[in-house]
Amino acid sequence: MQVLHEVIPTAEQLPILTDTAPGFRLIRGAAGSGKTTVALMRLHQLCASRSSRQARLNLNETIKVLVLTFNRTLRGYVKHLATREYPETVHIEIATFSEWAQNLCVPDQEIDKDTDTNARITRLLQKAGFTANLDYFIDEVKYIMGRFSPDQLNEYLKVRRDGRGRAPAVTRRTREGLLNNVIRRYVRILMISDANSH
């Protein structure tokens, strides 16, 4: 991967970059059509215009920018491509949606316990025979735990999972093994732990 160098926007991309009205923009296109490139050009354009405004008004407040992606693969790609010189007043945070949401919902002191969570899930995965792609399956377990309540875990077998980058193929049999041998056991561990703390 290389840093995104200066790209000349196409006639289709230009309206997206020059539109300064408030609100969101939906960028649609086939795979490889340049959606991420347009988003990064817009990021650069917005940072530049906000920085110019700060300078004109003689303001020193930090310009906070949040970029959210669906998965860690895209986050890493965007982080790599977004590497360019920004003024000191611009602070860009690039995270997956789940990382960002977890940091909002979990108090700071609880975030440190995440390594214990990962260790527990890793032990259950290894015991169930999941020895390859552990990071992927740890993320998958956390996704399932965050999306489905304990009484709706079977819904995981039906849901479509897209946007995981170069993820391993997860067959129905793999999902069933993950659900029955890892997730349900992890839920029991959490319930026991919760009961013991009261």
N, C-alpha and C. Protein backbone atom coordinates (compact mmCIF):
# COMPACT_ATOMS: atom_id res chain seq x y z
N MET A 1 0.84 -1.19 0.00
CA MET A 1 0.00 0.00 0.00
C MET A 1 0.88 1.24 0.00
N GLN A 2 0.38 2.28 -0.67
CA GLN A 2 1.11 3.53 -0.70
C GLN A 2 0.20 4.66 -0.25
N VAL A 3 0.81 5.75 0.19
CA VAL A 3 0.06 6.92 0.61
C VAL A 3 -0.68 7.48 -0.59
N LEU A 4 -1.90 7.94 -0.35
CA LEU A 4 -2.70 8.51 -1.42
C LEU A 4 -2.10 9.85 -1.84
N HIS A 5 -1.53 9.90 -3.04
CA HIS A 5 -0.94 11.12 -3.54
C HIS A 5 -2.03 12.02 -4.09
N GLU A 6 -1.66 13.20 -4.52
CA GLU A 6 -2.64 14.12 -5.07
C GLU A 6 -3.36 13.47 -6.24
N VAL A 7 -4.67 13.43 -6.15
CA VAL A 7 -5.50 12.83 -7.19
C VAL A 7 -6.39 13.92 -7.76
N ILE A 8 -6.49 13.96 -9.07
CA ILE A 8 -7.37 14.95 -9.71
C ILE A 8 -8.76 14.35 -9.75
N PRO A 9 -9.74 15.01 -9.09
CA PRO A 9 -11.09 14.45 -9.05
C PRO A 9 -11.72 14.43 -10.44
N THR A 10 -12.53 13.42 -10.67
CA THR A 10 -13.27 13.32 -11.92
C THR A 10 -14.47 14.25 -11.87
N ALA A 11 -15.16 14.38 -12.98
CA ALA A 11 -16.35 15.24 -13.05
C ALA A 11 -17.42 14.74 -12.08
N GLU A 12 -17.50 13.43 -11.87
CA GLU A 12 -18.49 12.87 -10.93
C GLU A 12 -18.09 13.13 -9.48
N GLN A 13 -16.78 13.13 -9.20
CA GLN A 13 -16.30 13.29 -7.83
C GLN A 13 -16.30 14.75 -7.38
N LEU A 14 -16.11 15.66 -8.31
CA LEU A 14 -15.96 17.08 -7.98
C LEU A 14 -17.13 17.66 -7.18
N PRO A 15 -18.40 17.37 -7.55
CA PRO A 15 -19.52 17.92 -6.75
C PRO A 15 -19.49 17.48 -5.29
N ILE A 16 -19.01 16.27 -5.03
CA ILE A 16 -18.93 15.77 -3.65
C ILE A 16 -17.91 16.58 -2.86
N LEU A 17 -16.81 16.91 -3.51
CA LEU A 17 -15.73 17.61 -2.83
C LEU A 17 -16.01 19.09 -2.64
N THR A 18 -16.80 19.69 -3.53
CA THR A 18 -17.04 21.13 -3.45
C THR A 18 -18.32 21.47 -2.68
N ASP A 19 -19.09 20.46 -2.32
CA ASP A 19 -20.34 20.68 -1.60
C ASP A 19 -20.02 20.98 -0.13
N THR A 20 -20.33 22.19 0.32
CA THR A 20 -20.02 22.58 1.70
C THR A 20 -21.26 22.64 2.59
N ALA A 21 -22.41 22.26 2.04
CA ALA A 21 -23.65 22.30 2.83
C ALA A 21 -23.57 21.26 3.95
N PRO A 22 -24.21 21.52 5.10
CA PRO A 22 -24.18 20.53 6.19
C PRO A 22 -24.97 19.28 5.80
N GLY A 23 -24.72 18.21 6.52
CA GLY A 23 -25.44 16.96 6.27
C GLY A 23 -24.49 15.87 5.83
N PHE A 24 -25.04 14.69 5.60
CA PHE A 24 -24.22 13.55 5.22
C PHE A 24 -24.23 13.37 3.71
N ARG A 25 -23.26 12.61 3.23
CA ARG A 25 -23.16 12.28 1.82
C ARG A 25 -23.08 10.76 1.69
N LEU A 26 -23.83 10.21 0.78
CA LEU A 26 -23.78 8.78 0.51
C LEU A 26 -23.04 8.58 -0.80
N ILE A 27 -21.92 7.87 -0.73
CA ILE A 27 -21.11 7.62 -1.92
C ILE A 27 -21.31 6.16 -2.30
N ARG A 28 -21.88 5.94 -3.47
CA ARG A 28 -22.15 4.57 -3.92
C ARG A 28 -21.33 4.25 -5.16
N GLY A 29 -20.98 3.00 -5.31
CA GLY A 29 -20.25 2.57 -6.49
C GLY A 29 -19.80 1.13 -6.35
N ALA A 30 -19.44 0.53 -7.46
CA ALA A 30 -18.98 -0.86 -7.46
C ALA A 30 -17.61 -0.95 -6.78
N ALA A 31 -17.23 -2.16 -6.44
CA ALA A 31 -15.91 -2.38 -5.84
C ALA A 31 -14.83 -1.86 -6.78
N GLY A 32 -13.89 -1.09 -6.22
CA GLY A 32 -12.79 -0.56 -7.02
C GLY A 32 -13.13 0.70 -7.80
N SER A 33 -14.32 1.27 -7.54
CA SER A 33 -14.72 2.46 -8.30
C SER A 33 -14.17 3.76 -7.71
N GLY A 34 -13.54 3.69 -6.54
CA GLY A 34 -12.91 4.88 -5.97
C GLY A 34 -13.66 5.51 -4.81
N LYS A 35 -14.56 4.76 -4.16
CA LYS A 35 -15.33 5.32 -3.04
C LYS A 35 -14.42 5.76 -1.90
N THR A 36 -13.45 4.91 -1.55
CA THR A 36 -12.53 5.25 -0.46
C THR A 36 -11.66 6.44 -0.84
N THR A 37 -11.23 6.49 -2.09
CA THR A 37 -10.42 7.62 -2.57
C THR A 37 -11.20 8.92 -2.45
N VAL A 38 -12.47 8.89 -2.86
CA VAL A 38 -13.32 10.09 -2.76
C VAL A 38 -13.49 10.49 -1.31
N ALA A 39 -13.72 9.50 -0.43
CA ALA A 39 -13.91 9.80 0.99
C ALA A 39 -12.65 10.44 1.57
N LEU A 40 -11.48 9.94 1.19
CA LEU A 40 -10.23 10.50 1.69
C LEU A 40 -9.96 11.89 1.12
N MET A 41 -10.34 12.11 -0.16
CA MET A 41 -10.19 13.46 -0.73
C MET A 41 -11.12 14.43 0.01
N ARG A 42 -12.32 13.97 0.33
CA ARG A 42 -13.27 14.82 1.07
C ARG A 42 -12.74 15.11 2.47
N LEU A 43 -12.15 14.10 3.11
CA LEU A 43 -11.55 14.30 4.42
C LEU A 43 -10.49 15.40 4.36
N HIS A 44 -9.62 15.30 3.38
CA HIS A 44 -8.56 16.30 3.22
C HIS A 44 -9.15 17.69 2.94
N GLN A 45 -10.16 17.74 2.07
CA GLN A 45 -10.79 19.02 1.72
C GLN A 45 -11.46 19.65 2.94
N LEU A 46 -12.17 18.84 3.73
CA LEU A 46 -12.85 19.37 4.92
C LEU A 46 -11.84 19.86 5.96
N CYS A 47 -10.76 19.10 6.16
CA CYS A 47 -9.73 19.53 7.12
C CYS A 47 -9.09 20.84 6.67
N ALA A 48 -8.82 20.95 5.37
CA ALA A 48 -8.20 22.17 4.84
C ALA A 48 -9.13 23.36 4.99
N SER A 49 -10.42 23.18 4.68
CA SER A 49 -11.35 24.32 4.78
C SER A 49 -11.56 24.74 6.23
N ARG A 50 -11.64 23.75 7.15
CA ARG A 50 -11.81 24.10 8.58
C ARG A 50 -10.56 24.79 9.10
N SER A 51 -9.38 24.33 8.68
CA SER A 51 -8.13 24.95 9.12
C SER A 51 -8.02 26.38 8.62
N SER A 52 -8.43 26.60 7.36
CA SER A 52 -8.41 27.96 6.80
C SER A 52 -9.35 28.88 7.58
N ARG A 53 -10.51 28.35 7.91
CA ARG A 53 -11.48 29.14 8.69
C ARG A 53 -10.90 29.49 10.06
N GLN A 54 -10.27 28.50 10.71
CA GLN A 54 -9.64 28.74 12.02
C GLN A 54 -8.60 29.87 11.92
N ALA A 55 -7.79 29.80 10.87
CA ALA A 55 -6.74 30.81 10.69
C ALA A 55 -7.34 32.19 10.43
N ARG A 56 -8.38 32.25 9.59
CA ARG A 56 -9.04 33.53 9.29
C ARG A 56 -9.62 34.17 10.54
N LEU A 57 -10.22 33.35 11.40
CA LEU A 57 -10.88 33.86 12.60
C LEU A 57 -9.94 33.91 13.81
N ASN A 58 -8.68 33.52 13.58
CA ASN A 58 -7.67 33.54 14.64
C ASN A 58 -8.08 32.66 15.83
N LEU A 59 -8.59 31.46 15.52
CA LEU A 59 -9.03 30.51 16.54
C LEU A 59 -7.96 29.43 16.71
N ASN A 60 -7.84 28.91 17.92
CA ASN A 60 -6.83 27.88 18.18
C ASN A 60 -7.43 26.55 18.63
N GLU A 61 -8.76 26.43 18.65
CA GLU A 61 -9.37 25.17 19.11
C GLU A 61 -8.99 24.02 18.18
N THR A 62 -8.91 22.84 18.78
CA THR A 62 -8.60 21.64 17.99
C THR A 62 -9.79 21.28 17.10
N ILE A 63 -9.48 20.95 15.87
CA ILE A 63 -10.51 20.45 14.94
C ILE A 63 -10.51 18.94 15.08
N LYS A 64 -11.60 18.40 15.60
CA LYS A 64 -11.68 16.95 15.84
C LYS A 64 -12.41 16.28 14.68
N VAL A 65 -11.77 15.26 14.13
CA VAL A 65 -12.33 14.53 12.99
C VAL A 65 -12.40 13.06 13.36
N LEU A 66 -13.56 12.46 13.15
CA LEU A 66 -13.75 11.04 13.43
C LEU A 66 -14.04 10.33 12.12
N VAL A 67 -13.24 9.31 11.81
CA VAL A 67 -13.44 8.49 10.61
C VAL A 67 -13.74 7.08 11.10
N LEU A 68 -14.92 6.55 10.74
CA LEU A 68 -15.32 5.21 11.17
C LEU A 68 -15.36 4.27 9.98
N THR A 69 -14.89 3.04 10.20
CA THR A 69 -14.93 2.02 9.17
C THR A 69 -15.67 0.81 9.71
N PHE A 70 -15.99 -0.14 8.82
CA PHE A 70 -16.73 -1.32 9.24
C PHE A 70 -15.84 -2.39 9.84
N ASN A 71 -14.58 -2.43 9.46
CA ASN A 71 -13.72 -3.50 9.96
C ASN A 71 -12.29 -3.02 10.09
N ARG A 72 -11.46 -3.84 10.74
CA ARG A 72 -10.07 -3.45 11.01
C ARG A 72 -9.23 -3.40 9.74
N THR A 73 -9.56 -4.23 8.76
CA THR A 73 -8.81 -4.22 7.50
C THR A 73 -8.95 -2.86 6.83
N LEU A 74 -10.20 -2.39 6.71
CA LEU A 74 -10.44 -1.09 6.08
C LEU A 74 -9.87 0.04 6.95
N ARG A 75 -9.96 -0.11 8.27
CA ARG A 75 -9.39 0.91 9.16
C ARG A 75 -7.89 1.07 8.90
N GLY A 76 -7.18 -0.06 8.82
CA GLY A 76 -5.75 0.00 8.56
C GLY A 76 -5.44 0.61 7.20
N TYR A 77 -6.24 0.28 6.22
CA TYR A 77 -6.06 0.82 4.86
C TYR A 77 -6.28 2.33 4.86
N VAL A 78 -7.35 2.77 5.50
CA VAL A 78 -7.66 4.20 5.55
C VAL A 78 -6.59 4.94 6.34
N LYS A 79 -6.15 4.37 7.46
CA LYS A 79 -5.09 5.01 8.26
C LYS A 79 -3.84 5.21 7.42
N HIS A 80 -3.51 4.18 6.65
CA HIS A 80 -2.31 4.25 5.82
C HIS A 80 -2.46 5.31 4.73
N LEU A 81 -3.62 5.33 4.08
CA LEU A 81 -3.84 6.28 2.99
C LEU A 81 -4.06 7.70 3.49
N ALA A 82 -4.56 7.84 4.72
CA ALA A 82 -4.84 9.17 5.25
C ALA A 82 -3.60 9.85 5.80
N THR A 83 -2.45 9.19 5.71
CA THR A 83 -1.21 9.77 6.22
C THR A 83 -0.79 10.92 5.32
N ARG A 84 -0.96 12.11 5.79
CA ARG A 84 -0.51 13.30 5.08
C ARG A 84 -0.36 14.42 6.10
N GLU A 85 0.23 15.51 5.70
CA GLU A 85 0.48 16.61 6.63
C GLU A 85 -0.82 17.37 6.90
N TYR A 86 -1.20 17.42 8.15
CA TYR A 86 -2.35 18.23 8.57
C TYR A 86 -1.84 19.24 9.59
N PRO A 87 -2.48 20.39 9.68
CA PRO A 87 -2.08 21.37 10.70
C PRO A 87 -2.17 20.76 12.10
N GLU A 88 -1.42 21.32 13.03
CA GLU A 88 -1.42 20.81 14.41
C GLU A 88 -2.79 20.90 15.05
N THR A 89 -3.63 21.81 14.58
CA THR A 89 -4.95 21.96 15.18
C THR A 89 -5.92 20.86 14.77
N VAL A 90 -5.54 20.01 13.79
CA VAL A 90 -6.41 18.93 13.32
C VAL A 90 -6.04 17.63 14.02
N HIS A 91 -7.02 17.04 14.70
CA HIS A 91 -6.82 15.74 15.34
C HIS A 91 -7.77 14.75 14.67
N ILE A 92 -7.21 13.74 13.98
CA ILE A 92 -8.02 12.75 13.27
C ILE A 92 -7.97 11.43 14.03
N GLU A 93 -9.14 10.91 14.35
CA GLU A 93 -9.26 9.58 14.96
C GLU A 93 -9.87 8.65 13.93
N ILE A 94 -9.20 7.54 13.66
CA ILE A 94 -9.70 6.54 12.72
C ILE A 94 -9.91 5.25 13.48
N ALA A 95 -11.15 4.74 13.48
CA ALA A 95 -11.47 3.55 14.26
C ALA A 95 -12.56 2.77 13.56
N THR A 96 -12.73 1.52 13.98
CA THR A 96 -13.90 0.78 13.52
C THR A 96 -15.10 1.28 14.32
N PHE A 97 -16.29 1.09 13.79
CA PHE A 97 -17.48 1.53 14.52
C PHE A 97 -17.56 0.85 15.88
N SER A 98 -17.24 -0.47 15.92
CA SER A 98 -17.37 -1.18 17.19
C SER A 98 -16.37 -0.69 18.23
N GLU A 99 -15.13 -0.37 17.82
CA GLU A 99 -14.15 0.18 18.76
C GLU A 99 -14.64 1.50 19.33
N TRP A 100 -15.13 2.36 18.45
CA TRP A 100 -15.61 3.68 18.85
C TRP A 100 -16.80 3.55 19.80
N ALA A 101 -17.76 2.68 19.45
CA ALA A 101 -18.96 2.51 20.28
C ALA A 101 -18.59 1.92 21.64
N GLN A 102 -17.68 0.96 21.65
CA GLN A 102 -17.28 0.35 22.92
C GLN A 102 -16.61 1.39 23.83
N ASN A 103 -15.78 2.23 23.26
CA ASN A 103 -15.13 3.26 24.07
C ASN A 103 -16.13 4.28 24.61
N LEU A 104 -17.24 4.47 23.90
CA LEU A 104 -18.29 5.36 24.40
C LEU A 104 -19.06 4.73 25.55
N CYS A 105 -19.31 3.43 25.43
CA CYS A 105 -20.20 2.75 26.37
C CYS A 105 -19.50 2.20 27.60
N VAL A 106 -18.22 1.89 27.49
CA VAL A 106 -17.50 1.24 28.58
C VAL A 106 -16.64 2.27 29.30
N PRO A 107 -16.77 2.39 30.63
CA PRO A 107 -15.91 3.32 31.36
C PRO A 107 -14.44 3.00 31.15
N ASP A 108 -13.58 4.01 31.24
CA ASP A 108 -12.15 3.84 30.99
C ASP A 108 -11.53 2.70 31.79
N GLN A 109 -11.93 2.56 33.05
CA GLN A 109 -11.31 1.53 33.86
C GLN A 109 -11.67 0.13 33.37
N GLU A 110 -12.81 0.00 32.67
CA GLU A 110 -13.21 -1.30 32.16
C GLU A 110 -12.45 -1.67 30.89
N ILE A 111 -11.99 -0.68 30.13
CA ILE A 111 -11.32 -0.95 28.87
C ILE A 111 -10.05 -1.77 29.10
N ASP A 112 -9.37 -1.54 30.22
CA ASP A 112 -8.16 -2.28 30.52
C ASP A 112 -8.43 -3.78 30.68
N LYS A 113 -9.68 -4.14 31.00
CA LYS A 113 -10.01 -5.54 31.19
C LYS A 113 -10.20 -6.26 29.86
N ASP A 114 -10.13 -5.54 28.75
CA ASP A 114 -10.35 -6.14 27.44
C ASP A 114 -9.37 -7.28 27.17
N THR A 115 -8.14 -7.16 27.67
CA THR A 115 -7.17 -8.24 27.45
C THR A 115 -7.63 -9.52 28.14
N ASP A 116 -8.28 -9.40 29.32
CA ASP A 116 -8.83 -10.58 29.97
C ASP A 116 -9.94 -11.19 29.12
N THR A 117 -10.76 -10.33 28.53
CA THR A 117 -11.83 -10.80 27.64
C THR A 117 -11.22 -11.57 26.48
N ASN A 118 -10.21 -10.97 25.84
CA ASN A 118 -9.56 -11.64 24.71
C ASN A 118 -8.94 -12.96 25.14
N ALA A 119 -8.32 -12.99 26.32
CA ALA A 119 -7.69 -14.21 26.80
C ALA A 119 -8.73 -15.30 27.03
N ARG A 120 -9.86 -14.94 27.63
CA ARG A 120 -10.93 -15.93 27.86
C ARG A 120 -11.46 -16.49 26.54
N ILE A 121 -11.73 -15.57 25.61
CA ILE A 121 -12.27 -16.00 24.31
C ILE A 121 -11.24 -16.85 23.58
N THR A 122 -9.98 -16.47 23.64
CA THR A 122 -8.92 -17.24 22.98
C THR A 122 -8.86 -18.66 23.53
N ARG A 123 -8.92 -18.79 24.86
CA ARG A 123 -8.88 -20.13 25.47
C ARG A 123 -10.05 -20.99 24.99
N LEU A 124 -11.25 -20.39 24.95
CA LEU A 124 -12.43 -21.13 24.50
C LEU A 124 -12.31 -21.51 23.02
N LEU A 125 -11.80 -20.59 22.21
CA LEU A 125 -11.62 -20.88 20.78
C LEU A 125 -10.64 -22.04 20.59
N GLN A 126 -9.52 -21.99 21.29
CA GLN A 126 -8.50 -23.04 21.14
C GLN A 126 -9.03 -24.38 21.62
N LYS A 127 -9.78 -24.36 22.70
CA LYS A 127 -10.37 -25.59 23.24
C LYS A 127 -11.37 -26.19 22.25
N ALA A 128 -12.04 -25.31 21.48
CA ALA A 128 -13.03 -25.76 20.50
C ALA A 128 -12.39 -26.10 19.15
N GLY A 129 -11.05 -25.97 19.05
CA GLY A 129 -10.37 -26.34 17.82
C GLY A 129 -10.13 -25.20 16.85
N PHE A 130 -10.42 -23.96 17.26
CA PHE A 130 -10.15 -22.80 16.41
C PHE A 130 -8.72 -22.33 16.71
N THR A 131 -7.78 -22.74 15.88
CA THR A 131 -6.39 -22.40 16.15
C THR A 131 -5.83 -21.38 15.15
N ALA A 132 -6.45 -21.27 14.00
CA ALA A 132 -5.99 -20.30 12.98
C ALA A 132 -6.93 -19.10 12.98
N ASN A 133 -6.42 -17.97 12.53
CA ASN A 133 -7.23 -16.74 12.40
C ASN A 133 -7.89 -16.34 13.72
N LEU A 134 -7.15 -16.45 14.82
CA LEU A 134 -7.74 -16.17 16.13
C LEU A 134 -8.26 -14.74 16.24
N ASP A 135 -7.53 -13.76 15.72
CA ASP A 135 -7.99 -12.37 15.79
C ASP A 135 -9.35 -12.21 15.13
N TYR A 136 -9.51 -12.86 13.98
CA TYR A 136 -10.79 -12.79 13.27
C TYR A 136 -11.91 -13.35 14.14
N PHE A 137 -11.68 -14.53 14.72
CA PHE A 137 -12.74 -15.17 15.50
C PHE A 137 -13.00 -14.47 16.83
N ILE A 138 -11.97 -13.86 17.42
CA ILE A 138 -12.20 -13.04 18.62
C ILE A 138 -13.14 -11.89 18.27
N ASP A 139 -12.87 -11.21 17.16
CA ASP A 139 -13.75 -10.12 16.70
C ASP A 139 -15.15 -10.64 16.41
N GLU A 140 -15.24 -11.82 15.83
CA GLU A 140 -16.55 -12.40 15.49
C GLU A 140 -17.35 -12.68 16.76
N VAL A 141 -16.70 -13.24 17.77
CA VAL A 141 -17.38 -13.51 19.05
C VAL A 141 -17.88 -12.20 19.66
N LYS A 142 -17.03 -11.18 19.66
CA LYS A 142 -17.44 -9.89 20.23
C LYS A 142 -18.58 -9.28 19.43
N TYR A 143 -18.54 -9.43 18.11
CA TYR A 143 -19.63 -8.93 17.26
C TYR A 143 -20.94 -9.61 17.63
N ILE A 144 -20.91 -10.95 17.76
CA ILE A 144 -22.12 -11.71 18.07
C ILE A 144 -22.66 -11.32 19.44
N MET A 145 -21.74 -11.21 20.41
CA MET A 145 -22.16 -10.85 21.77
C MET A 145 -22.77 -9.45 21.81
N GLY A 146 -22.26 -8.56 20.97
CA GLY A 146 -22.79 -7.20 20.94
C GLY A 146 -24.08 -7.06 20.16
N ARG A 147 -24.28 -7.94 19.19
CA ARG A 147 -25.46 -7.79 18.33
C ARG A 147 -26.67 -8.56 18.83
N PHE A 148 -26.45 -9.75 19.42
CA PHE A 148 -27.57 -10.61 19.80
C PHE A 148 -27.64 -10.77 21.31
N SER A 149 -28.83 -10.71 21.85
CA SER A 149 -29.01 -11.00 23.27
C SER A 149 -28.88 -12.51 23.46
N PRO A 150 -28.61 -12.98 24.69
CA PRO A 150 -28.39 -14.42 24.90
C PRO A 150 -29.53 -15.31 24.39
N ASP A 151 -30.76 -14.82 24.43
CA ASP A 151 -31.88 -15.64 23.96
C ASP A 151 -32.08 -15.57 22.45
N GLN A 152 -31.28 -14.76 21.75
CA GLN A 152 -31.41 -14.65 20.30
C GLN A 152 -30.15 -15.10 19.56
N LEU A 153 -29.27 -15.82 20.23
CA LEU A 153 -27.99 -16.21 19.64
C LEU A 153 -28.14 -17.05 18.37
N ASN A 154 -29.23 -17.83 18.27
CA ASN A 154 -29.43 -18.66 17.08
C ASN A 154 -29.59 -17.82 15.81
N GLU A 155 -29.95 -16.56 15.97
CA GLU A 155 -30.10 -15.66 14.81
C GLU A 155 -28.76 -15.49 14.08
N TYR A 156 -27.66 -15.69 14.78
CA TYR A 156 -26.34 -15.57 14.16
C TYR A 156 -26.18 -16.55 12.99
N LEU A 157 -26.83 -17.70 13.10
CA LEU A 157 -26.72 -18.71 12.05
C LEU A 157 -27.40 -18.25 10.75
N LYS A 158 -28.30 -17.27 10.86
CA LYS A 158 -29.05 -16.82 9.68
C LYS A 158 -28.50 -15.52 9.08
N VAL A 159 -27.81 -14.73 9.88
CA VAL A 159 -27.42 -13.40 9.44
C VAL A 159 -26.29 -13.47 8.42
N ARG A 160 -26.32 -12.54 7.46
CA ARG A 160 -25.26 -12.47 6.44
C ARG A 160 -24.12 -11.61 6.98
N ARG A 161 -22.91 -12.10 6.80
CA ARG A 161 -21.73 -11.37 7.30
C ARG A 161 -20.89 -10.92 6.13
N ASP A 162 -20.91 -9.61 5.84
CA ASP A 162 -20.13 -9.03 4.75
C ASP A 162 -19.12 -8.04 5.31
N GLY A 163 -18.19 -7.63 4.47
CA GLY A 163 -17.29 -6.54 4.83
C GLY A 163 -16.21 -6.89 5.82
N ARG A 164 -15.77 -8.14 5.85
CA ARG A 164 -14.72 -8.52 6.79
C ARG A 164 -13.35 -8.59 6.13
N GLY A 165 -13.21 -8.01 4.94
CA GLY A 165 -11.92 -8.02 4.28
C GLY A 165 -11.56 -9.43 3.84
N ARG A 166 -10.29 -9.79 3.98
CA ARG A 166 -9.84 -11.12 3.58
C ARG A 166 -10.03 -12.09 4.73
N ALA A 167 -11.28 -12.29 5.09
CA ALA A 167 -11.60 -13.15 6.22
C ALA A 167 -11.67 -14.60 5.75
N PRO A 168 -11.48 -15.54 6.69
CA PRO A 168 -11.63 -16.95 6.30
C PRO A 168 -13.10 -17.24 5.99
N ALA A 169 -13.32 -18.22 5.14
CA ALA A 169 -14.69 -18.64 4.84
C ALA A 169 -15.29 -19.26 6.10
N VAL A 170 -16.48 -18.81 6.47
CA VAL A 170 -17.13 -19.32 7.68
C VAL A 170 -18.39 -20.06 7.25
N THR A 171 -18.29 -21.38 7.25
CA THR A 171 -19.42 -22.21 6.84
C THR A 171 -20.45 -22.27 7.97
N ARG A 172 -21.61 -22.84 7.66
CA ARG A 172 -22.63 -23.00 8.70
C ARG A 172 -22.10 -23.89 9.82
N ARG A 173 -21.36 -24.93 9.45
CA ARG A 173 -20.81 -25.84 10.46
C ARG A 173 -19.84 -25.08 11.39
N THR A 174 -19.02 -24.20 10.80
CA THR A 174 -18.09 -23.40 11.60
C THR A 174 -18.87 -22.48 12.53
N ARG A 175 -19.93 -21.86 12.01
CA ARG A 175 -20.76 -20.98 12.85
C ARG A 175 -21.38 -21.74 14.01
N GLU A 176 -21.89 -22.94 13.70
CA GLU A 176 -22.51 -23.74 14.76
C GLU A 176 -21.47 -24.10 15.84
N GLY A 177 -20.26 -24.46 15.40
CA GLY A 177 -19.19 -24.76 16.36
C GLY A 177 -18.84 -23.55 17.20
N LEU A 178 -18.77 -22.40 16.54
CA LEU A 178 -18.46 -21.15 17.25
C LEU A 178 -19.56 -20.82 18.26
N LEU A 179 -20.80 -20.99 17.83
CA LEU A 179 -21.94 -20.66 18.69
C LEU A 179 -22.03 -21.61 19.88
N ASN A 180 -21.96 -22.92 19.62
CA ASN A 180 -22.19 -23.90 20.69
C ASN A 180 -20.98 -24.13 21.58
N ASN A 181 -19.78 -24.08 21.00
CA ASN A 181 -18.59 -24.43 21.78
C ASN A 181 -17.81 -23.24 22.33
N VAL A 182 -18.14 -22.04 21.85
CA VAL A 182 -17.42 -20.86 22.32
C VAL A 182 -18.39 -19.85 22.94
N ILE A 183 -19.34 -19.38 22.15
CA ILE A 183 -20.19 -18.27 22.59
C ILE A 183 -21.08 -18.66 23.75
N ARG A 184 -21.78 -19.79 23.63
CA ARG A 184 -22.68 -20.20 24.74
C ARG A 184 -21.88 -20.45 26.02
N ARG A 185 -20.70 -21.01 25.90
CA ARG A 185 -19.85 -21.24 27.08
C ARG A 185 -19.38 -19.90 27.66
N TYR A 186 -19.06 -18.98 26.78
CA TYR A 186 -18.63 -17.66 27.25
C TYR A 186 -19.77 -16.94 27.97
N VAL A 187 -20.99 -17.06 27.44
CA VAL A 187 -22.16 -16.46 28.10
C VAL A 187 -22.33 -17.05 29.50
N ARG A 188 -22.16 -18.37 29.63
CA ARG A 188 -22.27 -19.01 30.97
C ARG A 188 -21.20 -18.49 31.92
N ILE A 189 -19.96 -18.33 31.42
CA ILE A 189 -18.88 -17.80 32.25
C ILE A 189 -19.24 -16.40 32.74
N LEU A 190 -19.76 -15.56 31.83
CA LEU A 190 -20.15 -14.20 32.21
C LEU A 190 -21.27 -14.19 33.24
N MET A 191 -22.25 -15.09 33.06
CA MET A 191 -23.38 -15.15 34.00
C MET A 191 -22.91 -15.59 35.39
N ILE A 192 -22.01 -16.56 35.43
CA ILE A 192 -21.47 -17.03 36.71
C ILE A 192 -20.66 -15.92 37.37
N SER A 193 -19.83 -15.25 36.58
CA SER A 193 -19.00 -14.16 37.08
C SER A 193 -19.87 -13.04 37.62
N ASP A 194 -20.96 -12.72 36.89
CA ASP A 194 -21.86 -11.66 37.30
C ASP A 194 -22.59 -12.04 38.60
N ALA A 195 -23.01 -13.32 38.71
CA ALA A 195 -23.71 -13.79 39.91
C ALA A 195 -22.78 -13.74 41.12
N ASN A 196 -21.51 -14.09 40.93
CA ASN A 196 -20.56 -14.10 42.02
C ASN A 196 -20.18 -12.69 42.51
N SER A 197 -20.35 -11.69 41.63
CA SER A 197 -19.99 -10.33 42.02
C SER A 197 -21.10 -9.63 42.79
N HIS A 198 -22.28 -10.26 42.87
CA HIS A 198 -23.40 -9.64 43.60
C HIS A 198 -23.58 -10.25 44.96
